[in-house]
C-alpha cells in the first residue's frame, strides 16, 4: 500500500518517466523504511534509558530509607559491623526488597521472593525479582532479574555514598550463561566470560534459605577467620596425635592475624627468608592447639643455635589461586568431653557449588573464652572439581632452584 502511494506520487510529478518512476518509488520506500527503523531504535534506546533512570531513582530513594542508620554508624565508626549491616538489611527488607550481605553472613530478608523467582525460572514462566546485596560503607549492589522461557536477564547496578549523598555509580546488563538453585538453598548465576578474561569471576552466589543463627555464630568464632585461604586446616585429616598433614607455616600466618589483629611482621618478597624467635612462633600455634614443642619442631625447620624457626613467606611461585571457597557450619554436636563437633561445608562461588568439601572439625572451648582446635576429618569432596584452590609451599629443593641458585648467579 505504501509503495502504491509513492508510485502515484511520482507519476503525478513525472507522468512520462515510466521505469524511472519505479526506481524512484523503490528508493523512497527504502528511505521511509530506514527512517521508520531509526525511529524504532531511538524509541528502544529511550525505553532502556528510562529503565536505567528508574533503577537509579529507586536505589537512591531506597538508600534514603536507612540514612539515619548510616549517618549514626559513620559518626560512631561502626558502619561495617555485623550489627549495623543487619539493621540496614532489615530496613531494606521493610521496603519490600530481598536483601542480604555480600559475604552471606546474614540471613536474607524476604527470601521467599527469590525462591519463587527460581521456581518460575525452572518452570519457564515469566517473573522478576530484585536482590539487594549490601557491600561496604553503607553501599549495595542491586541485581534486577527477569526470567522467561528458563533464561535469566540481569541488570547490575551499584550504589555508594559520596559526601553523605547516595549515588549510583555503575550499571551493567547481561543474560545469564547458566544458573541453578541448589537444594541447600544457594542461588548461583553465571555471566559468560571468554577464555583468557582476566577480570573478576562472572559467578554470583546468594544464600537464599536461612541458616541457623547458632551455626552462624559458631562459624564466625571458630571457622570463618581461618577458612580455606592458604592453609589446610579443613581439607586434610589430622588430630592431636598426628599433625603431619598440616603446614604450620600456613597456620602461623593465619593465626597470627587472628591473635594480634595484624599480619606477620615480615615483609613478603621473592626469596625472602627469616628466623622467627621460638617464643613468637610457638606462642601463636600453642594459643590455638594443645601441642608440644616437639610436635612443632618435627613439622618445621628449627634452628637450635638461634632458638628460632626458619620462615619463608610465600611468593609468586607458590601463590594460591584467588577466589577460593569459604566455610559454612551447617550443624553441630556437643560432645560429652565438652568439645564441639562442627559440620562444615565449603561454598565455592567460582565453581557454583555449595559443597566443594565437607569436614567435621572438633574444637575445645576454654573457660577464659578462648579455644583450641582438636581434630578435623574430611568426609567428602565434590567429584566434579578439576582443580583445588590450595597450593603447597615450595619444597626446599624448589626454593633453592628458584631463589638461592639465581642469587648465586
Protein backbone atom coordinates (compact mmCIF):
# COMPACT_ATOMS: atom_id res chain seq x y z
CA UNK A 1 0.00 0.00 0.00
CA UNK A 2 2.81 2.41 0.86
CA UNK A 3 4.62 1.56 -2.41
CA UNK A 4 1.47 2.32 -4.48
CA UNK A 5 1.07 5.71 -2.87
CA UNK A 6 4.72 6.59 -3.50
CA UNK A 7 4.48 5.43 -7.16
CA UNK A 8 1.34 7.52 -7.74
CA UNK A 9 3.14 10.49 -6.17
CA UNK A 10 5.98 10.26 -8.74
CA UNK A 11 3.55 9.71 -11.67
CA UNK A 12 1.72 12.89 -10.77
CA UNK A 13 5.03 14.80 -10.89
CA UNK A 14 6.70 12.91 -13.81
CA UNK A 15 3.81 11.41 -15.88
CA UNK A 16 6.07 10.16 -18.73
CA UNK A 17 9.11 8.67 -16.91
CA UNK A 18 7.99 5.02 -16.90
CA UNK A 19 10.73 2.76 -15.42
CA UNK A 20 12.40 5.69 -13.66
CA UNK A 21 9.23 6.19 -11.66
CA UNK A 22 9.53 2.63 -10.37
CA UNK A 23 13.18 3.11 -9.35
CA UNK A 24 12.49 6.39 -7.61
CA UNK A 25 9.49 4.86 -5.87
CA UNK A 26 11.57 1.97 -4.52
CA UNK A 27 14.32 4.33 -3.37
CA UNK A 28 11.88 6.50 -1.49
CA UNK A 29 10.25 3.41 0.01
CA UNK A 30 13.60 2.17 1.31
CA UNK A 31 14.31 5.61 2.75
CA UNK A 32 10.98 5.64 4.55
CA UNK A 33 11.54 2.16 5.94
CA UNK A 34 15.03 3.20 7.08
CA UNK A 35 13.59 6.24 8.83
CA UNK A 36 11.00 4.03 10.48
CA UNK A 37 13.77 1.66 11.64
CA UNK A 38 15.79 4.53 13.06
CA UNK A 39 12.74 5.81 14.86
CA UNK A 40 12.16 2.38 16.38
CA UNK A 41 15.81 2.21 17.52
CA UNK A 42 15.52 5.61 19.12
CA UNK A 43 12.37 4.51 20.91
CA UNK A 44 14.16 1.39 22.14
CA UNK A 45 17.06 3.47 23.46
CA UNK A 46 14.60 5.77 25.22
CA UNK A 47 12.97 2.77 26.88
CA UNK A 48 16.36 1.47 28.03
CA UNK A 49 17.35 4.88 29.38
CA UNK A 50 14.05 5.11 31.17
CA UNK A 51 14.63 1.73 32.82
CA UNK A 52 18.12 2.75 33.86
CA UNK A 53 16.94 6.05 35.27
CA UNK A 54 14.13 4.31 37.08
CA UNK A 55 16.62 1.98 38.77
CA UNK A 56 18.81 4.94 39.73
CA UNK A 57 15.87 6.73 41.29
CA UNK A 58 14.63 3.67 43.17
CA UNK A 59 18.09 2.89 44.55
CA UNK A 60 18.73 6.43 45.74
CA UNK A 61 15.30 6.53 47.33
CA UNK A 62 15.97 3.18 49.00
CA UNK A 63 19.25 4.45 50.46
CA UNK A 64 17.38 7.40 51.96
CA UNK A 65 15.23 4.99 53.98
CA UNK A 66 18.26 3.98 56.06
CA UNK A 67 20.07 7.32 56.03
CA UNK A 68 19.68 7.72 59.80
CA UNK A 69 21.27 4.31 60.42
CA UNK A 70 24.08 5.19 58.01
CA UNK A 71 24.85 8.61 59.47
CA UNK A 72 24.78 7.37 63.07
CA UNK A 73 27.12 4.48 62.20
CA UNK A 74 29.53 6.82 60.39
CA UNK A 75 29.60 9.08 63.42
CA UNK A 76 30.23 6.14 65.77
CA UNK A 77 32.77 4.49 63.45
CA UNK A 78 30.99 1.11 63.27
CA UNK A 79 29.44 1.24 59.80
CA UNK A 80 30.71 -2.14 58.58
CA UNK A 81 29.97 -4.11 61.74
CA UNK A 82 27.63 -7.07 61.53
CA UNK A 83 25.11 -5.36 63.81
CA UNK A 84 24.82 -2.26 61.63
CA UNK A 85 24.68 -4.35 58.44
CA UNK A 86 21.82 -6.34 59.95
CA UNK A 87 19.91 -3.13 60.73
CA UNK A 88 20.40 -1.81 57.19
CA UNK A 89 19.31 -5.13 55.68
CA UNK A 90 16.19 -5.16 57.88
CA UNK A 91 15.39 -1.62 56.74
CA UNK A 92 15.77 -2.62 53.08
CA UNK A 93 13.55 -5.62 53.75
CA UNK A 94 10.88 -3.33 55.22
CA UNK A 95 10.88 -1.53 51.86
CA UNK A 96 9.86 -4.79 50.20
CA UNK A 97 13.16 -6.00 48.73
CA UNK A 98 15.01 -9.27 49.14
CA UNK A 99 18.31 -8.30 50.77
CA UNK A 100 21.47 -9.98 52.03
CA UNK A 101 25.11 -9.07 52.74
CA UNK A 102 27.83 -9.69 50.15
CA UNK A 103 29.60 -12.26 52.35
CA UNK A 104 26.41 -14.25 53.06
CA UNK A 105 26.91 -13.93 56.81
CA UNK A 106 23.38 -12.60 57.44
CA UNK A 107 20.16 -14.38 56.55
CA UNK A 108 18.40 -12.95 53.50
CA UNK A 109 15.25 -10.97 54.24
CA UNK A 110 12.20 -11.62 52.03
CA UNK A 111 13.98 -14.72 50.72
CA UNK A 112 10.66 -16.19 49.57
CA UNK A 113 10.70 -13.74 46.65
CA UNK A 114 13.91 -15.29 45.35
CA UNK A 115 12.66 -18.84 45.90
CA UNK A 116 9.52 -18.06 43.90
CA UNK A 117 11.61 -16.46 41.16
CA UNK A 118 13.86 -19.53 40.86
CA UNK A 119 10.80 -21.76 40.71
CA UNK A 120 9.34 -19.65 37.90
CA UNK A 121 12.64 -19.76 36.01
CA UNK A 122 12.81 -23.52 36.39
CA UNK A 123 9.27 -23.85 35.02
CA UNK A 124 9.89 -21.44 32.14
CA UNK A 125 7.45 -18.86 33.45
CA UNK A 126 7.79 -15.10 33.28
CA UNK A 127 8.80 -13.48 36.56
CA UNK A 128 11.06 -10.86 38.09
CA UNK A 129 12.89 -10.14 41.33
CA UNK A 130 15.28 -7.58 42.77
CA UNK A 131 18.06 -8.64 45.15
CA UNK A 132 19.95 -6.05 47.18
CA UNK A 133 23.43 -7.22 48.23
CA UNK A 134 24.91 -4.98 50.91
CA UNK A 135 28.56 -4.28 50.14
CA UNK A 136 30.65 -1.95 52.28
CA UNK A 137 30.45 1.53 53.78
CA UNK A 138 26.68 1.54 53.55
CA UNK A 139 26.53 0.87 49.81
CA UNK A 140 24.99 -2.01 47.93
CA UNK A 141 24.94 -3.89 44.65
CA UNK A 142 21.48 -4.24 43.13
CA UNK A 143 20.51 -7.16 40.89
CA UNK A 144 17.31 -6.71 38.88
CA UNK A 145 16.44 -10.05 37.31
CA UNK A 146 13.79 -11.12 34.84
CA UNK A 147 13.12 -14.62 33.60
CA UNK A 148 11.22 -16.02 30.64
CA UNK A 149 11.48 -19.45 28.99
CA UNK A 150 14.10 -20.53 31.51
CA UNK A 151 16.55 -17.72 30.71
CA UNK A 152 17.51 -15.03 33.21
CA UNK A 153 18.38 -11.44 32.27
CA UNK A 154 20.29 -9.47 34.87
CA UNK A 155 20.81 -5.76 35.39
CA UNK A 156 23.59 -4.97 37.86
CA UNK A 157 23.92 -1.53 39.42
CA UNK A 158 25.95 -0.23 42.33
CA UNK A 159 25.17 2.46 44.88
CA UNK A 160 27.61 4.10 47.23
CA UNK A 161 27.61 7.16 49.48
CA UNK A 162 29.59 10.18 48.23
CA UNK A 163 29.88 13.22 50.53
CA UNK A 164 26.93 11.94 52.55
CA UNK A 165 24.73 11.50 49.47
CA UNK A 166 23.72 8.19 47.81
CA UNK A 167 24.84 7.86 44.19
CA UNK A 168 24.50 5.08 41.63
CA UNK A 169 27.93 4.67 40.05
CA UNK A 170 27.73 1.51 37.90
CA UNK A 171 25.26 -0.09 35.51
CA UNK A 172 25.65 -3.32 33.52
CA UNK A 173 23.34 -5.79 31.75
CA UNK A 174 23.84 -9.43 30.81
CA UNK A 175 21.95 -12.64 30.12
CA UNK A 176 22.93 -15.46 32.48
CA UNK A 177 25.15 -18.02 30.78
CA UNK A 178 23.98 -20.55 33.38
CA UNK A 179 22.19 -20.57 36.72
CA UNK A 180 20.99 -23.00 39.36
CA UNK A 181 19.19 -23.13 42.67
CA UNK A 182 20.50 -25.84 44.99
CA UNK A 183 18.67 -28.00 47.48
CA UNK A 184 20.73 -26.38 50.22
CA UNK A 185 19.30 -23.02 49.23
CA UNK A 186 22.01 -21.32 47.17
CA UNK A 187 21.18 -19.34 44.03
CA UNK A 188 24.08 -19.26 41.55
CA UNK A 189 24.17 -17.06 38.44
CA UNK A 190 26.98 -17.01 35.88
CA UNK A 191 27.87 -14.23 33.43
CA UNK A 192 29.79 -15.55 30.44
CA UNK A 193 33.44 -14.53 30.23
CA UNK A 194 35.59 -15.60 27.27
CA UNK A 195 38.71 -17.69 27.71
CA UNK A 196 41.61 -15.55 28.87
CA UNK A 197 39.41 -12.97 30.62
CA UNK A 198 41.49 -11.61 33.50
CA UNK A 199 38.86 -9.69 35.46
CA UNK A 200 36.79 -10.79 38.43
CA UNK A 201 34.90 -14.08 38.04
CA UNK A 202 31.48 -13.96 36.44
CA UNK A 203 29.81 -16.19 39.02
CA UNK A 204 27.47 -14.89 41.71
CA UNK A 205 26.17 -16.71 44.76
CA UNK A 206 23.33 -15.84 47.12
CA UNK A 207 22.37 -17.89 50.17
CA UNK A 208 18.60 -17.76 49.98
CA UNK A 209 17.38 -20.22 52.63
CA UNK A 210 18.01 -19.06 56.22
CA UNK A 211 20.79 -20.71 58.21
CA UNK A 212 20.51 -21.48 61.92
CA UNK A 213 21.79 -18.49 63.89
CA UNK A 214 23.84 -20.63 66.28
CA UNK A 215 25.60 -22.21 63.30
CA UNK A 216 26.44 -18.74 62.03
CA UNK A 217 27.88 -17.72 65.41
CA UNK A 218 29.97 -20.89 65.68
CA UNK A 219 31.27 -20.32 62.16
CA UNK A 220 32.26 -16.72 62.89
CA UNK A 221 34.06 -17.67 66.11
CA UNK A 222 35.85 -20.90 65.21
CA UNK A 223 35.94 -21.43 61.46
CA UNK A 224 35.49 -18.40 59.21
CA UNK A 225 38.56 -16.46 60.46
CA UNK A 226 40.87 -19.32 59.34
CA UNK A 227 38.75 -20.59 56.46
CA UNK A 228 40.33 -22.18 53.40
CA UNK A 229 42.71 -19.44 52.31
CA UNK A 230 46.38 -20.55 52.25
CA UNK A 231 46.01 -23.35 54.80
CA UNK A 232 44.89 -26.98 55.05
CA UNK A 233 43.12 -26.95 58.43
CA UNK A 234 39.78 -28.04 56.90
CA UNK A 235 40.90 -30.09 53.90
CA UNK A 236 43.09 -32.82 55.44
CA UNK A 237 42.68 -35.31 58.28
CA UNK A 238 44.63 -34.55 61.46
CA UNK A 239 44.33 -34.82 65.23
CA UNK A 240 46.30 -34.06 68.39
CA UNK A 241 48.40 -37.19 67.96
CA UNK A 242 49.29 -36.53 64.32
CA UNK A 243 49.68 -33.02 62.89
CA UNK A 244 51.76 -34.12 59.91
CA UNK A 245 49.02 -33.25 57.39
CA UNK A 246 49.11 -29.57 58.38
CA UNK A 247 51.52 -26.85 57.33
CA UNK A 248 52.47 -24.91 60.48
CA UNK A 249 53.85 -22.01 58.44
CA UNK A 250 50.43 -21.53 56.82
CA UNK A 251 48.75 -21.68 60.21
CA UNK A 252 51.32 -19.37 61.80
CA UNK A 253 50.35 -16.67 59.28
CA UNK A 254 46.61 -17.16 59.62
CA UNK A 255 46.56 -17.50 63.41
CA UNK A 256 48.96 -14.60 63.94
CA UNK A 257 46.38 -12.32 62.35
CA UNK A 258 43.57 -13.75 64.50
CA UNK A 259 45.64 -13.40 67.68
CA UNK A 260 47.07 -9.92 67.12
CA UNK A 261 44.78 -8.37 64.51
CA UNK A 262 47.68 -7.66 62.15
CA UNK A 263 49.76 -9.56 59.62
CA UNK A 264 53.06 -11.24 60.48
CA UNK A 265 55.84 -8.62 60.82
CA UNK A 266 57.96 -9.99 57.99
CA UNK A 267 57.99 -8.49 54.52
CA UNK A 268 56.97 -10.94 51.81
CA UNK A 269 59.11 -10.71 48.69
CA UNK A 270 60.54 -13.27 46.29
CA UNK A 271 63.19 -15.36 48.03
CA UNK A 272 62.70 -13.81 51.48
CA UNK A 273 63.86 -15.87 54.46
CA UNK A 274 63.65 -15.05 58.17
CA UNK A 275 64.36 -16.51 61.60
CA UNK A 276 61.30 -16.23 63.83
CA UNK A 277 62.05 -16.37 67.59
CA UNK A 278 60.76 -19.61 69.06
CA UNK A 279 58.64 -17.84 71.67
CA UNK A 280 56.78 -15.98 68.94
CA UNK A 281 56.26 -18.90 66.57
CA UNK A 282 55.32 -21.42 69.26
CA UNK A 283 53.22 -18.89 71.14
CA UNK A 284 50.95 -18.36 68.14
CA UNK A 285 50.41 -22.07 67.47
CA UNK A 286 50.04 -23.05 71.12
CA UNK A 287 47.33 -20.41 71.53
CA UNK A 288 45.06 -22.48 69.28
CA UNK A 289 46.40 -26.03 69.55
CA UNK A 290 47.16 -28.27 72.51
CA UNK A 291 50.55 -29.08 71.10
CA UNK A 292 54.01 -29.82 72.44
CA UNK A 293 57.10 -28.05 71.21
CA UNK A 294 58.49 -31.31 69.87
CA UNK A 295 55.47 -31.70 67.61
CA UNK A 296 56.08 -28.24 66.16
CA UNK A 297 59.78 -28.75 65.52
CA UNK A 298 59.08 -32.13 63.90
CA UNK A 299 57.00 -30.43 61.21
CA UNK A 300 59.09 -27.29 60.62
CA UNK A 301 62.73 -26.25 60.23
CA UNK A 302 64.05 -25.32 63.66
CA UNK A 303 67.44 -23.69 64.21
CA UNK A 304 68.56 -24.71 67.75
CA UNK A 305 71.64 -22.49 67.71
CA UNK A 306 69.45 -19.48 67.02
CA UNK A 307 66.46 -20.64 69.09
CA UNK A 308 64.38 -19.74 66.05
CA UNK A 309 62.26 -21.19 63.25
CA UNK A 310 63.17 -20.66 59.63
CA UNK A 311 60.33 -18.89 57.87
CA UNK A 312 59.91 -18.26 54.16
CA UNK A 313 56.85 -16.22 53.12
CA UNK A 314 55.01 -17.38 50.04
CA UNK A 315 56.00 -15.77 46.77
CA UNK A 316 54.78 -15.80 43.20
CA UNK A 317 55.94 -19.39 42.68
CA UNK A 318 53.69 -20.78 45.42
CA UNK A 319 50.87 -18.26 45.31
CA UNK A 320 47.40 -19.70 45.78
CA UNK A 321 44.55 -19.44 43.31
CA UNK A 322 42.34 -16.40 44.02
CA UNK A 323 38.61 -16.53 44.73
CA UNK A 324 38.64 -19.73 46.77
CA UNK A 325 35.73 -21.06 48.86
CA UNK A 326 34.51 -20.01 52.27
CA UNK A 327 33.19 -22.26 55.08
CA UNK A 328 29.72 -22.67 56.50
CA UNK A 329 28.85 -24.52 59.69
CA UNK A 330 25.62 -26.27 58.79
CA UNK A 331 25.15 -28.19 62.08
CA UNK A 332 26.95 -29.03 65.31
CA UNK A 333 27.07 -31.50 68.20
CA UNK A 334 28.13 -31.00 71.82
CA UNK A 335 30.39 -33.86 72.94
CA UNK A 336 30.48 -35.41 76.40
CA UNK A 337 34.05 -34.17 76.95
CA UNK A 338 32.96 -30.56 76.41
CA UNK A 339 34.22 -30.25 72.84
CA UNK A 340 32.11 -29.20 69.87
CA UNK A 341 31.89 -31.12 66.60
CA UNK A 342 31.20 -28.72 63.75
CA UNK A 343 29.89 -29.99 60.42
CA UNK A 344 31.34 -27.74 57.73
CA UNK A 345 30.72 -27.34 54.01
CA UNK A 346 32.76 -25.22 51.59
CA UNK A 347 30.84 -22.78 49.40
CA UNK A 348 32.83 -22.09 46.23
CA UNK A 349 31.16 -19.32 44.28
CA UNK A 350 33.60 -19.54 41.39
CA UNK A 351 32.70 -23.21 40.80
CA UNK A 352 28.99 -22.69 41.54
CA UNK A 353 28.94 -25.30 44.29
CA UNK A 354 27.78 -25.03 47.89
CA UNK A 355 29.57 -28.22 48.92
CA UNK A 356 33.09 -28.34 47.46
CA UNK A 357 34.34 -30.26 50.50
CA UNK A 358 32.73 -31.41 53.74
CA UNK A 359 34.51 -31.95 57.03
CA UNK A 360 33.99 -32.41 60.75
CA UNK A 361 36.07 -30.02 62.84
CA UNK A 362 36.32 -30.55 66.60
CA UNK A 363 37.10 -27.55 68.81
CA UNK A 364 37.65 -27.29 72.56
CA UNK A 365 36.13 -24.17 74.17
CA UNK A 366 38.14 -23.00 77.20
CA UNK A 367 36.95 -21.31 80.38
CA UNK A 368 38.59 -17.99 79.55
CA UNK A 369 36.65 -17.69 76.28
CA UNK A 370 39.49 -18.91 74.07
CA UNK A 371 39.54 -22.28 72.31
CA UNK A 372 41.74 -24.96 70.78
CA UNK A 373 41.47 -26.91 67.54
CA UNK A 374 41.32 -30.65 68.33
CA UNK A 375 40.91 -32.52 65.03
CA UNK A 376 39.49 -32.49 61.54
CA UNK A 377 38.09 -35.27 59.39
CA UNK A 378 37.31 -34.81 55.69
CA UNK A 379 34.04 -36.58 54.86
CA UNK A 380 33.55 -35.75 51.19
CA UNK A 381 34.64 -33.91 48.05
CA UNK A 382 32.76 -32.58 45.05
CA UNK A 383 33.79 -35.10 42.37
CA UNK A 384 33.27 -32.56 39.59
CA UNK A 385 36.12 -30.32 40.77
CA UNK A 386 39.06 -30.43 38.37
CA UNK A 387 41.42 -28.29 40.46
CA UNK A 388 41.98 -27.43 44.10
CA UNK A 389 42.46 -23.85 45.25
CA UNK A 390 45.16 -24.73 47.79
CA UNK A 391 48.77 -24.78 46.61
CA UNK A 392 51.56 -26.24 48.80
CA UNK A 393 54.54 -24.12 49.73
CA UNK A 394 57.74 -24.67 47.81
CA UNK A 395 59.87 -27.59 48.95
CA UNK A 396 63.47 -26.88 49.94
CA UNK A 397 64.63 -28.14 46.55
CA UNK A 398 62.17 -25.94 44.67
CA UNK A 399 63.00 -22.87 46.77
CA UNK A 400 66.72 -23.32 46.19
CA UNK A 401 66.17 -23.78 42.46
CA UNK A 402 64.10 -20.62 42.08
CA UNK A 403 65.86 -18.33 44.55
CA UNK A 404 69.15 -19.47 46.05
CA UNK A 405 70.73 -20.61 42.79
CA UNK A 406 69.52 -17.49 40.99
CA UNK A 407 71.05 -15.29 43.70
CA UNK A 408 74.39 -17.06 43.32
CA UNK A 409 74.28 -16.48 39.58
